[in-house]
Protein backbone atom coordinates (compact mmCIF):
# COMPACT_ATOMS: atom_id res chain seq x y z
CA UNK A 1 0.00 0.00 0.00
CA UNK A 2 1.36 3.42 -1.00
CA UNK A 3 -0.06 6.22 1.13
CA UNK A 4 0.60 8.81 -1.59
CA UNK A 5 -1.39 6.78 -4.13
CA UNK A 6 -4.25 6.55 -1.65
CA UNK A 7 -4.03 10.31 -1.07
CA UNK A 8 -4.18 10.99 -4.82
CA UNK A 9 -7.15 8.65 -5.20
CA UNK A 10 -9.09 10.26 -2.32
CA UNK A 11 -8.36 13.79 -3.59
CA UNK A 12 -9.29 12.76 -7.13
CA UNK A 13 -12.59 11.25 -5.99
CA UNK A 14 -13.34 14.34 -3.91
CA UNK A 15 -12.49 16.66 -6.81
CA UNK A 16 -14.81 14.71 -9.13
CA UNK A 17 -17.58 14.89 -6.53
CA UNK A 18 -17.17 18.67 -6.08
CA UNK A 19 -17.05 19.32 -9.83
CA UNK A 20 -20.12 17.14 -10.48
CA UNK A 21 -22.51 19.72 -9.04
CA UNK A 22 -20.79 22.95 -10.08
CA UNK A 23 -22.87 24.59 -12.78
CA UNK A 24 -21.76 28.21 -13.22
CA UNK A 25 -23.27 30.21 -16.09
CA UNK A 26 -20.90 33.18 -16.04
CA UNK A 27 -17.81 32.23 -18.10
CA UNK A 28 -15.41 34.43 -16.07
CA UNK A 29 -16.50 33.05 -12.72
CA UNK A 30 -16.57 29.49 -14.13
CA UNK A 31 -13.00 29.87 -15.43
CA UNK A 32 -11.77 31.23 -12.09
CA UNK A 33 -13.47 28.43 -10.08
CA UNK A 34 -12.08 25.73 -12.39
CA UNK A 35 -8.61 27.33 -12.21
CA UNK A 36 -8.71 27.33 -8.40
CA UNK A 37 -9.95 23.75 -8.31
CA UNK A 38 -7.21 22.75 -10.75
CA UNK A 39 -4.62 24.30 -8.42
CA UNK A 40 -5.93 22.18 -5.54
CA UNK A 41 -7.10 25.04 -3.34
CA UNK A 42 -9.69 22.82 -1.63
CA UNK A 43 -7.23 20.05 -0.81
CA UNK A 44 -3.79 20.83 0.58
CA UNK A 45 -0.69 18.79 -0.09
CA UNK A 46 -0.02 15.91 2.32
CA UNK A 47 1.56 16.98 5.59
CA UNK A 48 4.44 14.85 6.81
CA UNK A 49 5.68 15.23 10.37
CA UNK A 50 8.06 13.30 12.52
CA UNK A 51 6.59 11.88 15.70
CA UNK A 52 9.08 12.82 18.41
CA UNK A 53 10.28 10.08 20.74
CA UNK A 54 10.50 11.15 24.35
CA UNK A 55 13.18 9.69 26.58
CA UNK A 56 11.84 7.36 29.27
CA UNK A 57 13.80 7.68 32.52
CA UNK A 58 11.96 5.29 34.82
CA UNK A 59 8.69 4.09 36.30
CA UNK A 60 6.64 6.01 38.85
CA UNK A 61 7.35 3.45 41.58
CA UNK A 62 11.13 3.84 40.99
CA UNK A 63 10.85 7.64 41.14
CA UNK A 64 8.69 7.37 44.29
CA UNK A 65 11.28 5.08 45.94
CA UNK A 66 13.90 7.77 45.27
CA UNK A 67 11.74 10.19 47.29
CA UNK A 68 10.91 12.55 44.43
CA UNK A 69 7.21 11.62 44.58
CA UNK A 70 4.99 10.56 47.48
CA UNK A 71 5.19 6.78 47.92
CA UNK A 72 1.42 6.33 47.41
CA UNK A 73 1.70 7.66 43.86
CA UNK A 74 3.26 4.32 42.89
CA UNK A 75 -0.22 2.85 43.46
CA UNK A 76 -2.08 5.77 41.86
CA UNK A 77 0.01 5.67 38.68
CA UNK A 78 0.69 1.93 38.79
CA UNK A 79 2.77 0.74 35.84
CA UNK A 80 3.30 4.24 34.41
CA UNK A 81 6.67 5.08 32.88
CA UNK A 82 7.89 8.66 33.04
CA UNK A 83 9.57 10.81 30.42
CA UNK A 84 12.51 13.05 31.23
CA UNK A 85 10.41 16.24 30.94
CA UNK A 86 7.84 14.82 33.39
CA UNK A 87 10.48 14.07 36.00
CA UNK A 88 11.98 17.56 35.52
CA UNK A 89 8.51 19.06 36.08
CA UNK A 90 7.98 16.92 39.20
CA UNK A 91 11.29 18.14 40.63
CA UNK A 92 9.90 21.67 40.43
CA UNK A 93 6.24 21.01 41.23
CA UNK A 94 6.86 18.86 44.30
CA UNK A 95 9.05 21.57 45.81
CA UNK A 96 6.44 24.28 45.31
CA UNK A 97 8.04 25.85 42.26
CA UNK A 98 6.18 26.89 39.12
CA UNK A 99 6.74 25.15 35.80
CA UNK A 100 5.47 25.19 32.24
CA UNK A 101 5.55 22.06 30.07
CA UNK A 102 5.47 22.42 26.29
CA UNK A 103 5.63 19.11 24.49
CA UNK A 104 3.68 17.15 21.91
CA UNK A 105 0.29 15.49 22.11
CA UNK A 106 0.38 12.31 24.17
CA UNK A 107 3.60 13.26 25.96
CA UNK A 108 2.05 13.33 29.42
CA UNK A 109 1.71 17.04 30.10
CA UNK A 110 -1.38 16.54 32.27
CA UNK A 111 0.40 13.99 34.42
CA UNK A 112 3.00 16.61 35.42
CA UNK A 113 0.54 18.89 37.16
CA UNK A 114 -1.83 16.12 38.32
CA UNK A 115 1.12 14.26 39.86
CA UNK A 116 2.35 17.45 41.53
CA UNK A 117 -1.13 18.15 42.93
CA UNK A 118 -1.57 14.58 44.17
CA UNK A 119 1.91 14.65 45.74
CA UNK A 120 0.99 17.80 47.67
CA UNK A 121 -2.37 16.43 48.81
CA UNK A 122 -0.93 13.08 49.91
CA UNK A 123 1.83 14.89 51.82
CA UNK A 124 -0.78 17.19 53.42
CA UNK A 125 -3.77 14.91 54.13
CA UNK A 126 -5.42 17.40 56.50
CA UNK A 127 -5.81 20.09 53.83
CA UNK A 128 -9.41 21.30 53.95
CA UNK A 129 -11.56 22.62 51.13
CA UNK A 130 -10.50 23.11 47.54
CA UNK A 131 -6.72 22.85 47.35
CA UNK A 132 -6.32 22.76 43.57
CA UNK A 133 -8.43 24.16 40.74
CA UNK A 134 -7.83 22.73 37.28
CA UNK A 135 -9.35 24.98 34.59
CA UNK A 136 -10.02 23.66 31.09
CA UNK A 137 -11.39 25.61 28.10
CA UNK A 138 -13.92 22.92 27.13
CA UNK A 139 -16.22 20.57 29.02
CA UNK A 140 -15.07 17.68 26.83
CA UNK A 141 -11.57 18.04 28.33
CA UNK A 142 -13.03 18.19 31.84
CA UNK A 143 -15.03 15.02 31.19
CA UNK A 144 -11.95 13.28 29.83
CA UNK A 145 -9.80 14.33 32.79
CA UNK A 146 -12.50 13.31 35.27
CA UNK A 147 -12.45 9.84 33.71
CA UNK A 148 -8.65 9.79 34.18
CA UNK A 149 -9.10 10.74 37.85
CA UNK A 150 -11.57 7.86 38.23
CA UNK A 151 -8.98 5.54 36.72
CA UNK A 152 -6.31 6.78 39.17
CA UNK A 153 -8.78 6.23 42.03
CA UNK A 154 -9.52 2.68 40.82
CA UNK A 155 -5.76 1.95 40.47
CA UNK A 156 -5.12 3.05 44.04
CA UNK A 157 -8.08 1.20 45.53
CA UNK A 158 -7.28 -2.02 43.64
CA UNK A 159 -3.62 -1.89 44.73
CA UNK A 160 -4.18 -0.96 48.39
CA UNK A 161 -7.71 -2.06 49.28
CA UNK A 162 -8.19 1.41 50.81
CA UNK A 163 -10.38 4.36 49.79
CA UNK A 164 -8.72 6.91 47.53
CA UNK A 165 -7.69 9.75 49.87
CA UNK A 166 -8.10 12.56 47.33
CA UNK A 167 -11.60 13.88 46.61
CA UNK A 168 -12.28 15.43 43.21
CA UNK A 169 -15.25 16.70 41.28
CA UNK A 170 -16.22 18.52 38.12
CA UNK A 171 -18.17 21.75 38.32
CA UNK A 172 -19.65 22.62 34.91
CA UNK A 173 -22.98 23.44 33.32
CA UNK A 174 -23.45 19.71 32.71
CA UNK A 175 -24.14 19.00 36.38
CA UNK A 176 -27.56 19.91 37.76
CA UNK A 177 -27.89 22.52 40.49
CA UNK A 178 -28.29 19.93 43.25
CA UNK A 179 -24.90 18.43 42.33
CA UNK A 180 -23.27 21.84 42.24
CA UNK A 181 -24.87 22.82 45.56
CA UNK A 182 -23.54 19.64 47.14
CA UNK A 183 -20.06 20.51 45.89
CA UNK A 184 -20.29 24.07 47.23
CA UNK A 185 -21.35 22.74 50.64
CA UNK A 186 -18.68 20.03 50.70
CA UNK A 187 -15.99 21.00 48.22
CA UNK A 188 -13.59 18.41 46.83
CA UNK A 189 -9.86 18.85 47.21
CA UNK A 190 -9.44 19.01 43.42
CA UNK A 191 -12.00 20.97 41.41
CA UNK A 192 -12.13 20.53 37.63
CA UNK A 193 -14.00 23.37 35.95
CA UNK A 194 -14.06 25.93 33.13
CA UNK A 195 -13.49 29.66 33.43
CA UNK A 196 -17.21 30.53 33.15
CA UNK A 197 -18.30 28.25 35.98
CA UNK A 198 -15.29 29.27 38.05
CA UNK A 199 -16.35 32.91 37.75
CA UNK A 200 -19.94 32.04 38.73
C-alpha atoms as a PDB file:
ATOM      1  CA  UNK A   1       0.000   0.000   0.000  1.00  0.00           C
ATOM      2  CA  UNK A   2       1.357   3.416  -0.999  1.00  0.00           C
ATOM      3  CA  UNK A   3      -0.059   6.223   1.132  1.00  0.00           C
ATOM      4  CA  UNK A   4       0.599   8.810  -1.593  1.00  0.00           C
ATOM      5  CA  UNK A   5      -1.386   6.781  -4.127  1.00  0.00           C
ATOM      6  CA  UNK A   6      -4.250   6.555  -1.648  1.00  0.00           C
ATOM      7  CA  UNK A   7      -4.025  10.311  -1.072  1.00  0.00           C
ATOM      8  CA  UNK A   8      -4.176  10.985  -4.824  1.00  0.00           C
ATOM      9  CA  UNK A   9      -7.154   8.650  -5.197  1.00  0.00           C
ATOM     10  CA  UNK A  10      -9.086  10.258  -2.319  1.00  0.00           C
ATOM     11  CA  UNK A  11      -8.356  13.787  -3.594  1.00  0.00           C
ATOM     12  CA  UNK A  12      -9.288  12.762  -7.130  1.00  0.00           C
ATOM     13  CA  UNK A  13     -12.589  11.252  -5.990  1.00  0.00           C
ATOM     14  CA  UNK A  14     -13.341  14.340  -3.911  1.00  0.00           C
ATOM     15  CA  UNK A  15     -12.488  16.663  -6.806  1.00  0.00           C
ATOM     16  CA  UNK A  16     -14.811  14.708  -9.127  1.00  0.00           C
ATOM     17  CA  UNK A  17     -17.576  14.886  -6.529  1.00  0.00           C
ATOM     18  CA  UNK A  18     -17.172  18.671  -6.082  1.00  0.00           C
ATOM     19  CA  UNK A  19     -17.052  19.321  -9.832  1.00  0.00           C
ATOM     20  CA  UNK A  20     -20.118  17.141 -10.484  1.00  0.00           C
ATOM     21  CA  UNK A  21     -22.514  19.721  -9.045  1.00  0.00           C
ATOM     22  CA  UNK A  22     -20.786  22.950 -10.084  1.00  0.00           C
ATOM     23  CA  UNK A  23     -22.869  24.592 -12.776  1.00  0.00           C
ATOM     24  CA  UNK A  24     -21.760  28.209 -13.215  1.00  0.00           C
ATOM     25  CA  UNK A  25     -23.265  30.214 -16.090  1.00  0.00           C
ATOM     26  CA  UNK A  26     -20.900  33.185 -16.038  1.00  0.00           C
ATOM     27  CA  UNK A  27     -17.811  32.232 -18.102  1.00  0.00           C
ATOM     28  CA  UNK A  28     -15.411  34.432 -16.075  1.00  0.00           C
ATOM     29  CA  UNK A  29     -16.497  33.047 -12.721  1.00  0.00           C
ATOM     30  CA  UNK A  30     -16.567  29.486 -14.128  1.00  0.00           C
ATOM     31  CA  UNK A  31     -13.004  29.865 -15.431  1.00  0.00           C
ATOM     32  CA  UNK A  32     -11.775  31.230 -12.086  1.00  0.00           C
ATOM     33  CA  UNK A  33     -13.469  28.427 -10.077  1.00  0.00           C
ATOM     34  CA  UNK A  34     -12.081  25.728 -12.392  1.00  0.00           C
ATOM     35  CA  UNK A  35      -8.613  27.329 -12.208  1.00  0.00           C
ATOM     36  CA  UNK A  36      -8.708  27.334  -8.395  1.00  0.00           C
ATOM     37  CA  UNK A  37      -9.953  23.745  -8.306  1.00  0.00           C
ATOM     38  CA  UNK A  38      -7.211  22.754 -10.750  1.00  0.00           C
ATOM     39  CA  UNK A  39      -4.622  24.298  -8.422  1.00  0.00           C
ATOM     40  CA  UNK A  40      -5.934  22.176  -5.544  1.00  0.00           C
ATOM     41  CA  UNK A  41      -7.101  25.043  -3.337  1.00  0.00           C
ATOM     42  CA  UNK A  42      -9.693  22.819  -1.634  1.00  0.00           C
ATOM     43  CA  UNK A  43      -7.228  20.049  -0.812  1.00  0.00           C
ATOM     44  CA  UNK A  44      -3.791  20.827   0.577  1.00  0.00           C
ATOM     45  CA  UNK A  45      -0.694  18.786  -0.093  1.00  0.00           C
ATOM     46  CA  UNK A  46      -0.024  15.909   2.322  1.00  0.00           C
ATOM     47  CA  UNK A  47       1.560  16.984   5.590  1.00  0.00           C
ATOM     48  CA  UNK A  48       4.438  14.850   6.813  1.00  0.00           C
ATOM     49  CA  UNK A  49       5.681  15.231  10.369  1.00  0.00           C
ATOM     50  CA  UNK A  50       8.062  13.296  12.520  1.00  0.00           C
ATOM     51  CA  UNK A  51       6.587  11.878  15.703  1.00  0.00           C
ATOM     52  CA  UNK A  52       9.084  12.815  18.414  1.00  0.00           C
ATOM     53  CA  UNK A  53      10.278  10.084  20.736  1.00  0.00           C
ATOM     54  CA  UNK A  54      10.499  11.147  24.353  1.00  0.00           C
ATOM     55  CA  UNK A  55      13.180   9.689  26.583  1.00  0.00           C
ATOM     56  CA  UNK A  56      11.841   7.361  29.269  1.00  0.00           C
ATOM     57  CA  UNK A  57      13.804   7.681  32.520  1.00  0.00           C
ATOM     58  CA  UNK A  58      11.960   5.286  34.825  1.00  0.00           C
ATOM     59  CA  UNK A  59       8.692   4.091  36.297  1.00  0.00           C
ATOM     60  CA  UNK A  60       6.641   6.012  38.850  1.00  0.00           C
ATOM     61  CA  UNK A  61       7.348   3.450  41.578  1.00  0.00           C
ATOM     62  CA  UNK A  62      11.128   3.840  40.994  1.00  0.00           C
ATOM     63  CA  UNK A  63      10.855   7.639  41.145  1.00  0.00           C
ATOM     64  CA  UNK A  64       8.690   7.365  44.286  1.00  0.00           C
ATOM     65  CA  UNK A  65      11.278   5.085  45.942  1.00  0.00           C
ATOM     66  CA  UNK A  66      13.899   7.767  45.273  1.00  0.00           C
ATOM     67  CA  UNK A  67      11.739  10.192  47.286  1.00  0.00           C
ATOM     68  CA  UNK A  68      10.910  12.551  44.426  1.00  0.00           C
ATOM     69  CA  UNK A  69       7.207  11.620  44.584  1.00  0.00           C
ATOM     70  CA  UNK A  70       4.994  10.564  47.478  1.00  0.00           C
ATOM     71  CA  UNK A  71       5.187   6.776  47.918  1.00  0.00           C
ATOM     72  CA  UNK A  72       1.418   6.329  47.411  1.00  0.00           C
ATOM     73  CA  UNK A  73       1.704   7.659  43.857  1.00  0.00           C
ATOM     74  CA  UNK A  74       3.260   4.324  42.887  1.00  0.00           C
ATOM     75  CA  UNK A  75      -0.224   2.854  43.465  1.00  0.00           C
ATOM     76  CA  UNK A  76      -2.084   5.767  41.861  1.00  0.00           C
ATOM     77  CA  UNK A  77       0.006   5.666  38.678  1.00  0.00           C
ATOM     78  CA  UNK A  78       0.695   1.933  38.795  1.00  0.00           C
ATOM     79  CA  UNK A  79       2.774   0.741  35.843  1.00  0.00           C
ATOM     80  CA  UNK A  80       3.296   4.239  34.408  1.00  0.00           C
ATOM     81  CA  UNK A  81       6.674   5.078  32.883  1.00  0.00           C
ATOM     82  CA  UNK A  82       7.890   8.661  33.040  1.00  0.00           C
ATOM     83  CA  UNK A  83       9.569  10.808  30.418  1.00  0.00           C
ATOM     84  CA  UNK A  84      12.509  13.045  31.234  1.00  0.00           C
ATOM     85  CA  UNK A  85      10.413  16.240  30.939  1.00  0.00           C
ATOM     86  CA  UNK A  86       7.842  14.817  33.386  1.00  0.00           C
ATOM     87  CA  UNK A  87      10.481  14.070  35.997  1.00  0.00           C
ATOM     88  CA  UNK A  88      11.981  17.560  35.520  1.00  0.00           C
ATOM     89  CA  UNK A  89       8.513  19.056  36.085  1.00  0.00           C
ATOM     90  CA  UNK A  90       7.977  16.917  39.204  1.00  0.00           C
ATOM     91  CA  UNK A  91      11.295  18.145  40.627  1.00  0.00           C
ATOM     92  CA  UNK A  92       9.899  21.671  40.431  1.00  0.00           C
ATOM     93  CA  UNK A  93       6.242  21.014  41.235  1.00  0.00           C
ATOM     94  CA  UNK A  94       6.855  18.860  44.303  1.00  0.00           C
ATOM     95  CA  UNK A  95       9.052  21.571  45.811  1.00  0.00           C
ATOM     96  CA  UNK A  96       6.440  24.283  45.308  1.00  0.00           C
ATOM     97  CA  UNK A  97       8.042  25.849  42.256  1.00  0.00           C
ATOM     98  CA  UNK A  98       6.184  26.892  39.119  1.00  0.00           C
ATOM     99  CA  UNK A  99       6.743  25.151  35.801  1.00  0.00           C
ATOM    100  CA  UNK A 100       5.472  25.193  32.243  1.00  0.00           C
ATOM    101  CA  UNK A 101       5.550  22.065  30.072  1.00  0.00           C
ATOM    102  CA  UNK A 102       5.468  22.423  26.294  1.00  0.00           C
ATOM    103  CA  UNK A 103       5.629  19.112  24.491  1.00  0.00           C
ATOM    104  CA  UNK A 104       3.675  17.146  21.912  1.00  0.00           C
ATOM    105  CA  UNK A 105       0.288  15.491  22.113  1.00  0.00           C
ATOM    106  CA  UNK A 106       0.378  12.313  24.170  1.00  0.00           C
ATOM    107  CA  UNK A 107       3.604  13.262  25.956  1.00  0.00           C
ATOM    108  CA  UNK A 108       2.051  13.325  29.423  1.00  0.00           C
ATOM    109  CA  UNK A 109       1.713  17.041  30.099  1.00  0.00           C
ATOM    110  CA  UNK A 110      -1.384  16.545  32.265  1.00  0.00           C
ATOM    111  CA  UNK A 111       0.401  13.992  34.425  1.00  0.00           C
ATOM    112  CA  UNK A 112       3.001  16.605  35.418  1.00  0.00           C
ATOM    113  CA  UNK A 113       0.538  18.890  37.165  1.00  0.00           C
ATOM    114  CA  UNK A 114      -1.831  16.119  38.320  1.00  0.00           C
ATOM    115  CA  UNK A 115       1.116  14.261  39.857  1.00  0.00           C
ATOM    116  CA  UNK A 116       2.352  17.452  41.533  1.00  0.00           C
ATOM    117  CA  UNK A 117      -1.133  18.150  42.928  1.00  0.00           C
ATOM    118  CA  UNK A 118      -1.566  14.576  44.168  1.00  0.00           C
ATOM    119  CA  UNK A 119       1.909  14.649  45.740  1.00  0.00           C
ATOM    120  CA  UNK A 120       0.986  17.799  47.665  1.00  0.00           C
ATOM    121  CA  UNK A 121      -2.372  16.431  48.807  1.00  0.00           C
ATOM    122  CA  UNK A 122      -0.927  13.082  49.908  1.00  0.00           C
ATOM    123  CA  UNK A 123       1.834  14.888  51.819  1.00  0.00           C
ATOM    124  CA  UNK A 124      -0.776  17.188  53.422  1.00  0.00           C
ATOM    125  CA  UNK A 125      -3.771  14.913  54.134  1.00  0.00           C
ATOM    126  CA  UNK A 126      -5.421  17.400  56.500  1.00  0.00           C
ATOM    127  CA  UNK A 127      -5.815  20.091  53.827  1.00  0.00           C
ATOM    128  CA  UNK A 128      -9.415  21.299  53.952  1.00  0.00           C
ATOM    129  CA  UNK A 129     -11.560  22.621  51.126  1.00  0.00           C
ATOM    130  CA  UNK A 130     -10.499  23.106  47.537  1.00  0.00           C
ATOM    131  CA  UNK A 131      -6.718  22.849  47.346  1.00  0.00           C
ATOM    132  CA  UNK A 132      -6.319  22.757  43.565  1.00  0.00           C
ATOM    133  CA  UNK A 133      -8.431  24.164  40.735  1.00  0.00           C
ATOM    134  CA  UNK A 134      -7.827  22.734  37.275  1.00  0.00           C
ATOM    135  CA  UNK A 135      -9.350  24.980  34.587  1.00  0.00           C
ATOM    136  CA  UNK A 136     -10.022  23.660  31.092  1.00  0.00           C
ATOM    137  CA  UNK A 137     -11.387  25.606  28.103  1.00  0.00           C
ATOM    138  CA  UNK A 138     -13.923  22.916  27.129  1.00  0.00           C
ATOM    139  CA  UNK A 139     -16.222  20.566  29.021  1.00  0.00           C
ATOM    140  CA  UNK A 140     -15.066  17.681  26.827  1.00  0.00           C
ATOM    141  CA  UNK A 141     -11.573  18.040  28.327  1.00  0.00           C
ATOM    142  CA  UNK A 142     -13.026  18.194  31.836  1.00  0.00           C
ATOM    143  CA  UNK A 143     -15.031  15.025  31.193  1.00  0.00           C
ATOM    144  CA  UNK A 144     -11.951  13.278  29.830  1.00  0.00           C
ATOM    145  CA  UNK A 145      -9.800  14.332  32.789  1.00  0.00           C
ATOM    146  CA  UNK A 146     -12.505  13.309  35.266  1.00  0.00           C
ATOM    147  CA  UNK A 147     -12.447   9.842  33.713  1.00  0.00           C
ATOM    148  CA  UNK A 148      -8.650   9.794  34.176  1.00  0.00           C
ATOM    149  CA  UNK A 149      -9.097  10.735  37.851  1.00  0.00           C
ATOM    150  CA  UNK A 150     -11.574   7.865  38.227  1.00  0.00           C
ATOM    151  CA  UNK A 151      -8.983   5.538  36.722  1.00  0.00           C
ATOM    152  CA  UNK A 152      -6.312   6.781  39.170  1.00  0.00           C
ATOM    153  CA  UNK A 153      -8.784   6.229  42.034  1.00  0.00           C
ATOM    154  CA  UNK A 154      -9.516   2.682  40.816  1.00  0.00           C
ATOM    155  CA  UNK A 155      -5.761   1.950  40.470  1.00  0.00           C
ATOM    156  CA  UNK A 156      -5.125   3.051  44.042  1.00  0.00           C
ATOM    157  CA  UNK A 157      -8.075   1.195  45.535  1.00  0.00           C
ATOM    158  CA  UNK A 158      -7.279  -2.015  43.643  1.00  0.00           C
ATOM    159  CA  UNK A 159      -3.624  -1.892  44.731  1.00  0.00           C
ATOM    160  CA  UNK A 160      -4.177  -0.960  48.387  1.00  0.00           C
ATOM    161  CA  UNK A 161      -7.707  -2.061  49.275  1.00  0.00           C
ATOM    162  CA  UNK A 162      -8.193   1.406  50.811  1.00  0.00           C
ATOM    163  CA  UNK A 163     -10.379   4.356  49.786  1.00  0.00           C
ATOM    164  CA  UNK A 164      -8.718   6.910  47.534  1.00  0.00           C
ATOM    165  CA  UNK A 165      -7.686   9.746  49.871  1.00  0.00           C
ATOM    166  CA  UNK A 166      -8.105  12.565  47.327  1.00  0.00           C
ATOM    167  CA  UNK A 167     -11.597  13.876  46.609  1.00  0.00           C
ATOM    168  CA  UNK A 168     -12.280  15.428  43.207  1.00  0.00           C
ATOM    169  CA  UNK A 169     -15.250  16.703  41.279  1.00  0.00           C
ATOM    170  CA  UNK A 170     -16.216  18.516  38.120  1.00  0.00           C
ATOM    171  CA  UNK A 171     -18.174  21.749  38.315  1.00  0.00           C
ATOM    172  CA  UNK A 172     -19.646  22.624  34.914  1.00  0.00           C
ATOM    173  CA  UNK A 173     -22.984  23.440  33.322  1.00  0.00           C
ATOM    174  CA  UNK A 174     -23.452  19.711  32.714  1.00  0.00           C
ATOM    175  CA  UNK A 175     -24.141  18.999  36.384  1.00  0.00           C
ATOM    176  CA  UNK A 176     -27.560  19.910  37.765  1.00  0.00           C
ATOM    177  CA  UNK A 177     -27.890  22.521  40.487  1.00  0.00           C
ATOM    178  CA  UNK A 178     -28.292  19.935  43.251  1.00  0.00           C
ATOM    179  CA  UNK A 179     -24.896  18.425  42.330  1.00  0.00           C
ATOM    180  CA  UNK A 180     -23.268  21.845  42.239  1.00  0.00           C
ATOM    181  CA  UNK A 181     -24.867  22.820  45.556  1.00  0.00           C
ATOM    182  CA  UNK A 182     -23.539  19.637  47.142  1.00  0.00           C
ATOM    183  CA  UNK A 183     -20.062  20.514  45.887  1.00  0.00           C
ATOM    184  CA  UNK A 184     -20.293  24.065  47.225  1.00  0.00           C
ATOM    185  CA  UNK A 185     -21.350  22.742  50.636  1.00  0.00           C
ATOM    186  CA  UNK A 186     -18.684  20.029  50.705  1.00  0.00           C
ATOM    187  CA  UNK A 187     -15.990  21.004  48.220  1.00  0.00           C
ATOM    188  CA  UNK A 188     -13.586  18.415  46.827  1.00  0.00           C
ATOM    189  CA  UNK A 189      -9.860  18.849  47.214  1.00  0.00           C
ATOM    190  CA  UNK A 190      -9.439  19.014  43.418  1.00  0.00           C
ATOM    191  CA  UNK A 191     -11.998  20.971  41.414  1.00  0.00           C
ATOM    192  CA  UNK A 192     -12.132  20.535  37.629  1.00  0.00           C
ATOM    193  CA  UNK A 193     -13.997  23.368  35.946  1.00  0.00           C
ATOM    194  CA  UNK A 194     -14.063  25.927  33.132  1.00  0.00           C
ATOM    195  CA  UNK A 195     -13.494  29.659  33.426  1.00  0.00           C
ATOM    196  CA  UNK A 196     -17.211  30.532  33.154  1.00  0.00           C
ATOM    197  CA  UNK A 197     -18.296  28.245  35.976  1.00  0.00           C
ATOM    198  CA  UNK A 198     -15.293  29.268  38.054  1.00  0.00           C
ATOM    199  CA  UNK A 199     -16.354  32.909  37.749  1.00  0.00           C
ATOM    200  CA  UNK A 200     -19.939  32.039  38.733  1.00  0.00           C
END
